[in-house]
Amino acid sequence: MVTVNPWLLIFSFVYFFLTGFLSYILSVKVVEIFLEKTLGSNMSKAEPIVGSSTFVISYGTFLYLLYVFLNAV
């Protein structure tokens, strides 16, 4: 039977929360910069796409790093 280290389990849940929060903050900052650069143009309508893709890419990268870490342990 395979047993899971409880500290790694707790670390993973804390990591999910923190990286989700950091990804959200990064997404907000990128959208603010995007809106400053494209203010008044037609490109500013792409704000939801920029924000969503920034969140998904950053959160996915953080989850991949957790995957690599957990496989190395």
PDB file of N, CA and C in Angstrom:
ATOM      1  N   MET A   1       0.843  -1.179   0.000  1.00  0.00           N
ATOM      2  CA  MET A   1       0.000   0.000   0.000  1.00  0.00           C
ATOM      3  C   MET A   1       0.891   1.246   0.000  1.00  0.00           C
ATOM      4  N   VAL A   2       0.492   2.220  -0.774  1.00  0.00           N
ATOM      5  CA  VAL A   2       1.245   3.464  -0.874  1.00  0.00           C
ATOM      6  C   VAL A   2       0.669   4.446   0.136  1.00  0.00           C
ATOM      7  N   THR A   3       1.530   5.006   0.957  1.00  0.00           N
ATOM      8  CA  THR A   3       1.086   6.024   1.905  1.00  0.00           C
ATOM      9  C   THR A   3       1.580   7.384   1.444  1.00  0.00           C
ATOM     10  N   VAL A   4       0.755   8.377   1.658  1.00  0.00           N
ATOM     11  CA  VAL A   4       1.079   9.738   1.254  1.00  0.00           C
ATOM     12  C   VAL A   4       1.584  10.493   2.472  1.00  0.00           C
ATOM     13  N   ASN A   5       2.665  11.201   2.294  1.00  0.00           N
ATOM     14  CA  ASN A   5       3.205  12.024   3.369  1.00  0.00           C
ATOM     15  C   ASN A   5       2.191  13.144   3.666  1.00  0.00           C
ATOM     16  N   PRO A   6       1.695  13.239   4.905  1.00  0.00           N
ATOM     17  CA  PRO A   6       0.682  14.263   5.196  1.00  0.00           C
ATOM     18  C   PRO A   6       1.210  15.686   5.029  1.00  0.00           C
ATOM     19  N   TRP A   7       2.498  15.898   5.231  1.00  0.00           N
ATOM     20  CA  TRP A   7       3.043  17.242   5.055  1.00  0.00           C
ATOM     21  C   TRP A   7       3.015  17.655   3.588  1.00  0.00           C
ATOM     22  N   LEU A   8       3.276  16.707   2.691  1.00  0.00           N
ATOM     23  CA  LEU A   8       3.183  17.032   1.274  1.00  0.00           C
ATOM     24  C   LEU A   8       1.743  17.303   0.861  1.00  0.00           C
ATOM     25  N   LEU A   9       0.812  16.605   1.461  1.00  0.00           N
ATOM     26  CA  LEU A   9      -0.599  16.841   1.165  1.00  0.00           C
ATOM     27  C   LEU A   9      -1.025  18.239   1.622  1.00  0.00           C
ATOM     28  N   ILE A  10      -0.639  18.617   2.818  1.00  0.00           N
ATOM     29  CA  ILE A  10      -0.957  19.959   3.334  1.00  0.00           C
ATOM     30  C   ILE A  10      -0.266  21.024   2.495  1.00  0.00           C
ATOM     31  N   PHE A  11       0.996  20.784   2.155  1.00  0.00           N
ATOM     32  CA  PHE A  11       1.742  21.711   1.309  1.00  0.00           C
ATOM     33  C   PHE A  11       1.050  21.905  -0.037  1.00  0.00           C
ATOM     34  N   SER A  12       0.533  20.814  -0.599  1.00  0.00           N
ATOM     35  CA  SER A  12      -0.128  20.911  -1.899  1.00  0.00           C
ATOM     36  C   SER A  12      -1.379  21.778  -1.828  1.00  0.00           C
ATOM     37  N   PHE A  13      -2.194  21.620  -0.784  1.00  0.00           N
ATOM     38  CA  PHE A  13      -3.397  22.436  -0.667  1.00  0.00           C
ATOM     39  C   PHE A  13      -3.063  23.905  -0.425  1.00  0.00           C
ATOM     40  N   VAL A  14      -2.067  24.167   0.377  1.00  0.00           N
ATOM     41  CA  VAL A  14      -1.639  25.557   0.587  1.00  0.00           C
ATOM     42  C   VAL A  14      -1.091  26.132  -0.713  1.00  0.00           C
ATOM     43  N   TYR A  15      -0.341  25.315  -1.445  1.00  0.00           N
ATOM     44  CA  TYR A  15       0.226  25.734  -2.724  1.00  0.00           C
ATOM     45  C   TYR A  15      -0.888  26.072  -3.720  1.00  0.00           C
ATOM     46  N   PHE A  16      -1.957  25.245  -3.777  1.00  0.00           N
ATOM     47  CA  PHE A  16      -3.087  25.531  -4.668  1.00  0.00           C
ATOM     48  C   PHE A  16      -3.680  26.904  -4.351  1.00  0.00           C
ATOM     49  N   PHE A  17      -3.896  27.165  -3.083  1.00  0.00           N
ATOM     50  CA  PHE A  17      -4.495  28.434  -2.679  1.00  0.00           C
ATOM     51  C   PHE A  17      -3.582  29.614  -3.017  1.00  0.00           C
ATOM     52  N   LEU A  18      -2.316  29.522  -2.626  1.00  0.00           N
ATOM     53  CA  LEU A  18      -1.396  30.638  -2.849  1.00  0.00           C
ATOM     54  C   LEU A  18      -1.158  30.909  -4.328  1.00  0.00           C
ATOM     55  N   THR A  19      -0.986  29.864  -5.107  1.00  0.00           N
ATOM     56  CA  THR A  19      -0.742  30.089  -6.534  1.00  0.00           C
ATOM     57  C   THR A  19      -1.990  30.606  -7.240  1.00  0.00           C
ATOM     58  N   GLY A  20      -3.164  30.188  -6.789  1.00  0.00           N
ATOM     59  CA  GLY A  20      -4.388  30.751  -7.353  1.00  0.00           C
ATOM     60  C   GLY A  20      -4.497  32.237  -7.068  1.00  0.00           C
ATOM     61  N   PHE A  21      -4.164  32.616  -5.836  1.00  0.00           N
ATOM     62  CA  PHE A  21      -4.195  34.031  -5.475  1.00  0.00           C
ATOM     63  C   PHE A  21      -3.140  34.821  -6.256  1.00  0.00           C
ATOM     64  N   LEU A  22      -1.935  34.284  -6.362  1.00  0.00           N
ATOM     65  CA  LEU A  22      -0.875  34.968  -7.112  1.00  0.00           C
ATOM     66  C   LEU A  22      -1.211  35.068  -8.600  1.00  0.00           C
ATOM     67  N   SER A  23      -1.818  34.034  -9.140  1.00  0.00           N
ATOM     68  CA  SER A  23      -2.220  34.078 -10.550  1.00  0.00           C
ATOM     69  C   SER A  23      -3.289  35.136 -10.774  1.00  0.00           C
ATOM     70  N   TYR A  24      -4.208  35.265  -9.826  1.00  0.00           N
ATOM     71  CA  TYR A  24      -5.242  36.297  -9.926  1.00  0.00           C
ATOM     72  C   TYR A  24      -4.619  37.697  -9.891  1.00  0.00           C
ATOM     73  N   ILE A  25      -3.705  37.914  -8.955  1.00  0.00           N
ATOM     74  CA  ILE A  25      -3.044  39.230  -8.847  1.00  0.00           C
ATOM     75  C   ILE A  25      -2.266  39.533 -10.125  1.00  0.00           C
ATOM     76  N   LEU A  26      -1.536  38.541 -10.640  1.00  0.00           N
ATOM     77  CA  LEU A  26      -0.791  38.728 -11.887  1.00  0.00           C
ATOM     78  C   LEU A  26      -1.739  39.042 -13.040  1.00  0.00           C
ATOM     79  N   SER A  27      -2.875  38.365 -13.094  1.00  0.00           N
ATOM     80  CA  SER A  27      -3.855  38.602 -14.145  1.00  0.00           C
ATOM     81  C   SER A  27      -4.399  40.026 -14.081  1.00  0.00           C
ATOM     82  N   VAL A  28      -4.685  40.507 -12.880  1.00  0.00           N
ATOM     83  CA  VAL A  28      -5.187  41.877 -12.721  1.00  0.00           C
ATOM     84  C   VAL A  28      -4.138  42.886 -13.175  1.00  0.00           C
ATOM     85  N   LYS A  29      -2.880  42.670 -12.805  1.00  0.00           N
ATOM     86  CA  LYS A  29      -1.817  43.601 -13.205  1.00  0.00           C
ATOM     87  C   LYS A  29      -1.634  43.614 -14.717  1.00  0.00           C
ATOM     88  N   VAL A  30      -1.661  42.440 -15.344  1.00  0.00           N
ATOM     89  CA  VAL A  30      -1.498  42.376 -16.798  1.00  0.00           C
ATOM     90  C   VAL A  30      -2.665  43.068 -17.503  1.00  0.00           C
ATOM     91  N   VAL A  31      -3.877  42.895 -16.998  1.00  0.00           N
ATOM     92  CA  VAL A  31      -5.036  43.555 -17.604  1.00  0.00           C
ATOM     93  C   VAL A  31      -4.936  45.066 -17.434  1.00  0.00           C
ATOM     94  N   GLU A  32      -4.481  45.536 -16.277  1.00  0.00           N
ATOM     95  CA  GLU A  32      -4.298  46.979 -16.088  1.00  0.00           C
ATOM     96  C   GLU A  32      -3.291  47.539 -17.086  1.00  0.00           C
ATOM     97  N   ILE A  33      -2.172  46.855 -17.264  1.00  0.00           N
ATOM     98  CA  ILE A  33      -1.152  47.306 -18.224  1.00  0.00           C
ATOM     99  C   ILE A  33      -1.709  47.260 -19.642  1.00  0.00           C
ATOM    100  N   PHE A  34      -2.437  46.190 -19.962  1.00  0.00           N
ATOM    101  CA  PHE A  34      -3.033  46.060 -21.291  1.00  0.00           C
ATOM    102  C   PHE A  34      -4.014  47.196 -21.569  1.00  0.00           C
ATOM    103  N   LEU A  35      -4.841  47.536 -20.586  1.00  0.00           N
ATOM    104  CA  LEU A  35      -5.815  48.610 -20.795  1.00  0.00           C
ATOM    105  C   LEU A  35      -5.139  49.976 -20.903  1.00  0.00           C
ATOM    106  N   GLU A  36      -4.040  50.180 -20.181  1.00  0.00           N
ATOM    107  CA  GLU A  36      -3.303  51.443 -20.319  1.00  0.00           C
ATOM    108  C   GLU A  36      -2.735  51.587 -21.722  1.00  0.00           C
ATOM    109  N   LYS A  37      -2.232  50.487 -22.272  1.00  0.00           N
ATOM    110  CA  LYS A  37      -1.592  50.549 -23.591  1.00  0.00           C
ATOM    111  C   LYS A  37      -2.606  50.644 -24.728  1.00  0.00           C
ATOM    112  N   THR A  38      -3.802  50.093 -24.527  1.00  0.00           N
ATOM    113  CA  THR A  38      -4.790  50.057 -25.606  1.00  0.00           C
ATOM    114  C   THR A  38      -6.003  50.925 -25.320  1.00  0.00           C
ATOM    115  N   LEU A  39      -5.865  51.909 -24.495  1.00  0.00           N
ATOM    116  CA  LEU A  39      -6.999  52.758 -24.106  1.00  0.00           C
ATOM    117  C   LEU A  39      -7.571  53.462 -25.332  1.00  0.00           C
ATOM    118  N   GLY A  40      -8.860  53.292 -25.535  1.00  0.00           N
ATOM    119  CA  GLY A  40      -9.542  53.969 -26.630  1.00  0.00           C
ATOM    120  C   GLY A  40      -9.494  53.237 -27.957  1.00  0.00           C
ATOM    121  N   SER A  41      -8.721  52.192 -28.070  1.00  0.00           N
ATOM    122  CA  SER A  41      -8.661  51.469 -29.340  1.00  0.00           C
ATOM    123  C   SER A  41      -9.608  50.277 -29.303  1.00  0.00           C
ATOM    124  N   ASN A  42      -9.746  49.664 -30.434  1.00  0.00           N
ATOM    125  CA  ASN A  42     -10.622  48.504 -30.541  1.00  0.00           C
ATOM    126  C   ASN A  42     -10.040  47.283 -29.838  1.00  0.00           C
ATOM    127  N   MET A  43      -8.738  47.281 -29.612  1.00  0.00           N
ATOM    128  CA  MET A  43      -8.064  46.156 -28.962  1.00  0.00           C
ATOM    129  C   MET A  43      -8.469  46.005 -27.505  1.00  0.00           C
ATOM    130  N   SER A  44      -8.965  47.069 -26.881  1.00  0.00           N
ATOM    131  CA  SER A  44      -9.313  46.989 -25.462  1.00  0.00           C
ATOM    132  C   SER A  44     -10.506  46.062 -25.212  1.00  0.00           C
ATOM    133  N   LYS A  45     -11.202  45.656 -26.270  1.00  0.00           N
ATOM    134  CA  LYS A  45     -12.302  44.712 -26.116  1.00  0.00           C
ATOM    135  C   LYS A  45     -11.804  43.296 -25.830  1.00  0.00           C
ATOM    136  N   ALA A  46     -10.529  43.066 -26.011  1.00  0.00           N
ATOM    137  CA  ALA A  46      -9.945  41.745 -25.772  1.00  0.00           C
ATOM    138  C   ALA A  46      -9.519  41.567 -24.315  1.00  0.00           C
ATOM    139  N   GLU A  47      -9.947  42.462 -23.447  1.00  0.00           N
ATOM    140  CA  GLU A  47      -9.561  42.403 -22.033  1.00  0.00           C
ATOM    141  C   GLU A  47      -9.911  41.075 -21.366  1.00  0.00           C
ATOM    142  N   PRO A  48     -11.117  40.522 -21.558  1.00  0.00           N
ATOM    143  CA  PRO A  48     -11.417  39.241 -20.907  1.00  0.00           C
ATOM    144  C   PRO A  48     -10.521  38.105 -21.391  1.00  0.00           C
ATOM    145  N   ILE A  49     -10.178  38.125 -22.669  1.00  0.00           N
ATOM    146  CA  ILE A  49      -9.316  37.074 -23.212  1.00  0.00           C
ATOM    147  C   ILE A  49      -7.916  37.186 -22.623  1.00  0.00           C
ATOM    148  N   VAL A  50      -7.405  38.407 -22.521  1.00  0.00           N
ATOM    149  CA  VAL A  50      -6.068  38.624 -21.964  1.00  0.00           C
ATOM    150  C   VAL A  50      -6.037  38.220 -20.493  1.00  0.00           C
ATOM    151  N   GLY A  51      -7.028  38.626 -19.733  1.00  0.00           N
ATOM    152  CA  GLY A  51      -7.067  38.286 -18.315  1.00  0.00           C
ATOM    153  C   GLY A  51      -7.207  36.800 -18.074  1.00  0.00           C
ATOM    154  N   SER A  52      -8.119  36.166 -18.802  1.00  0.00           N
ATOM    155  CA  SER A  52      -8.336  34.731 -18.626  1.00  0.00           C
ATOM    156  C   SER A  52      -7.120  33.926 -19.041  1.00  0.00           C
ATOM    157  N   SER A  53      -6.537  34.275 -20.179  1.00  0.00           N
ATOM    158  CA  SER A  53      -5.374  33.516 -20.645  1.00  0.00           C
ATOM    159  C   SER A  53      -4.177  33.718 -19.724  1.00  0.00           C
ATOM    160  N   THR A  54      -4.009  34.910 -19.184  1.00  0.00           N
ATOM    161  CA  THR A  54      -2.919  35.141 -18.234  1.00  0.00           C
ATOM    162  C   THR A  54      -3.102  34.295 -16.984  1.00  0.00           C
ATOM    163  N   PHE A  55      -4.325  34.238 -16.467  1.00  0.00           N
ATOM    164  CA  PHE A  55      -4.593  33.429 -15.285  1.00  0.00           C
ATOM    165  C   PHE A  55      -4.353  31.951 -15.560  1.00  0.00           C
ATOM    166  N   VAL A  56      -4.877  31.474 -16.676  1.00  0.00           N
ATOM    167  CA  VAL A  56      -4.760  30.045 -16.987  1.00  0.00           C
ATOM    168  C   VAL A  56      -3.306  29.653 -17.214  1.00  0.00           C
ATOM    169  N   ILE A  57      -2.558  30.474 -17.925  1.00  0.00           N
ATOM    170  CA  ILE A  57      -1.156  30.143 -18.207  1.00  0.00           C
ATOM    171  C   ILE A  57      -0.319  30.180 -16.928  1.00  0.00           C
ATOM    172  N   SER A  58      -0.515  31.199 -16.100  1.00  0.00           N
ATOM    173  CA  SER A  58       0.297  31.286 -14.879  1.00  0.00           C
ATOM    174  C   SER A  58      -0.079  30.194 -13.885  1.00  0.00           C
ATOM    175  N   TYR A  59      -1.365  29.923 -13.715  1.00  0.00           N
ATOM    176  CA  TYR A  59      -1.788  28.869 -12.779  1.00  0.00           C
ATOM    177  C   TYR A  59      -1.357  27.495 -13.289  1.00  0.00           C
ATOM    178  N   GLY A  60      -1.460  27.284 -14.585  1.00  0.00           N
ATOM    179  CA  GLY A  60      -1.003  26.030 -15.170  1.00  0.00           C
ATOM    180  C   GLY A  60       0.487  25.827 -15.001  1.00  0.00           C
ATOM    181  N   THR A  61       1.248  26.893 -15.139  1.00  0.00           N
ATOM    182  CA  THR A  61       2.698  26.803 -14.940  1.00  0.00           C
ATOM    183  C   THR A  61       3.017  26.457 -13.496  1.00  0.00           C
ATOM    184  N   PHE A  62       2.334  27.100 -12.557  1.00  0.00           N
ATOM    185  CA  PHE A  62       2.550  26.778 -11.144  1.00  0.00           C
ATOM    186  C   PHE A  62       2.180  25.328 -10.827  1.00  0.00           C
ATOM    187  N   LEU A  63       1.084  24.839 -11.410  1.00  0.00           N
ATOM    188  CA  LEU A  63       0.689  23.452 -11.173  1.00  0.00           C
ATOM    189  C   LEU A  63       1.682  22.476 -11.786  1.00  0.00           C
ATOM    190  N   TYR A  64       2.224  22.821 -12.940  1.00  0.00           N
ATOM    191  CA  TYR A  64       3.249  21.972 -13.544  1.00  0.00           C
ATOM    192  C   TYR A  64       4.504  21.922 -12.663  1.00  0.00           C
ATOM    193  N   LEU A  65       4.875  23.052 -12.082  1.00  0.00           N
ATOM    194  CA  LEU A  65       6.020  23.066 -11.180  1.00  0.00           C
ATOM    195  C   LEU A  65       5.768  22.206  -9.948  1.00  0.00           C
ATOM    196  N   LEU A  66       4.546  22.220  -9.427  1.00  0.00           N
ATOM    197  CA  LEU A  66       4.199  21.344  -8.303  1.00  0.00           C
ATOM    198  C   LEU A  66       4.275  19.886  -8.725  1.00  0.00           C
ATOM    199  N   TYR A  67       3.819  19.585  -9.901  1.00  0.00           N
ATOM    200  CA  TYR A  67       3.890  18.217 -10.435  1.00  0.00           C
ATOM    201  C   TYR A  67       5.346  17.744 -10.524  1.00  0.00           C
ATOM    202  N   VAL A  68       6.205  18.594 -11.049  1.00  0.00           N
ATOM    203  CA  VAL A  68       7.626  18.244 -11.164  1.00  0.00           C
ATOM    204  C   VAL A  68       8.220  18.042  -9.770  1.00  0.00           C
ATOM    205  N   PHE A  69       7.884  18.909  -8.833  1.00  0.00           N
ATOM    206  CA  PHE A  69       8.402  18.790  -7.465  1.00  0.00           C
ATOM    207  C   PHE A  69       7.937  17.494  -6.808  1.00  0.00           C
ATOM    208  N   LEU A  70       6.650  17.186  -6.934  1.00  0.00           N
ATOM    209  CA  LEU A  70       6.119  15.988  -6.285  1.00  0.00           C
ATOM    210  C   LEU A  70       6.662  14.707  -6.919  1.00  0.00           C
ATOM    211  N   ASN A  71       6.964  14.734  -8.199  1.00  0.00           N
ATOM    212  CA  ASN A  71       7.565  13.559  -8.819  1.00  0.00           C
ATOM    213  C   ASN A  71       9.023  13.387  -8.431  1.00  0.00           C
ATOM    214  N   ALA A  72       9.669  14.481  -8.064  1.00  0.00           N
ATOM    215  CA  ALA A  72      11.082  14.405  -7.662  1.00  0.00           C
ATOM    216  C   ALA A  72      11.235  13.912  -6.232  1.00  0.00           C
ATOM    217  N   VAL A  73      10.184  14.032  -5.445  1.00  0.00           N
ATOM    218  CA  VAL A  73      10.273  13.643  -4.034  1.00  0.00           C
ATOM    219  C   VAL A  73      10.141  12.185  -3.859  1.00  0.00           C
TER     220      VAL A  73
END
